[in-house]
Amino acid sequence: MTTLAISGLIRPMLEPRLPDGLDVRWFMTPEQAMEAVADAEIGWFDMNDQAAMAETLRAAKQLKWLNSIYAGLDFLPLDVLIERGITVTNGAGINAVTIAEYVVMGMLNIAKGYREVVRAQDRHEWLLDSPGKRELAGSKALLLGYGAIGRLIEPRLKAFDIDVSVVRRSSGENTLRPDEWRARLGEFDWIILAVPATPETEGMIGAGELAAMKADAVIVNIARGSVIDQPALVEALEKKAIGGAFLDVTSPEPLPADHPLWSLPNAHISMHLSGRAQDKMFIRSADRFIDNLGKYLRGEPVAPVFDPRLGY
């Protein structure tokens, strides 16, 4: 009999749909998880405590397939996944729609100065002019990262008549290769980061890249805080060397209350809420798991597969 250890958070959406003949062990606490995974072949260990998830994985000595709602799994002991040959399916694409929408929202917010409009309403003040006068139409955007999220960002930007260039290894129209984009940074009004968190992408936007950008360029980061050299970004924003930054992610998270990013007028912090701004995440995740479970039990490949060697 196949044994599964699954977080009880997803139980209402899974239990009625599970096939017969499975030994399913639900858990609600890290302590219960450690007991449930002892001889589990399949695991879905998602918890709010990522350190507890990592410890649960280490304890799951019989695990063959690990599923997660998270797209980025850099907080797990990747060496354990590699050494044990565990197949991993992640949440790639589960939140892609809402994150792509968040990118457009952030860009419009900055372009139109909408944060100042909201603040004026709070003051009961009738503005006589718009605090933001940028138009998206005709501007140029560089999209770094062309996975599930990047592929949804591109058409949404094009709908606003934005000239979009994407960075990827394969060639194509309006495509820059990984060794080409840095030399072209000065051409773009918007630099959008949608890359996975890997050693290759860590600090990919540093002081040199920031200095190469246009004086009014805006960075939009919905990847990971680690892909930007944050002290260098703070300095660039303080000196107004770039136009601004819309940061859904920071390093660390939560951002400390006394961090300078909170107070910079050209920094917009959205507290890693982009993937949460929807109500279909668990529904999509449950549907995907049930589909994959059927494939796994039939000996067919599951998807999307996370490669711990690559980090995505």
Foldseek 3Di string as FASTA:
>chain_A
DAEEEEEPVLCVVAVVLDDPDYHYQYDHDLVSLLVRLQQHQEYEQDDPDLVSSQVSLVNNLNYAEYEYLAPFDPSHPLVSCVVSVHWYAYNFLLLLQLLLVVVVVVVVCQQQVVVVVVVCVVVVHDDPDTPHHHALAPFEEEEEDCGNNNVNNVVVSVVSNYHYAYEDCDDDPSYDYPVGVLVVQQRHQEYEYAHEDDPVQFQCAELSSLLSYQLAHEYEYLYEQRSHPVVSVLVCLVVSSYNAYEYQYHPPPPDDPPDCLVPRPRYHYNRVCSSVPDDCSSVVSSVLVSVQVVCVVVVHDHDDTDDSVGSD
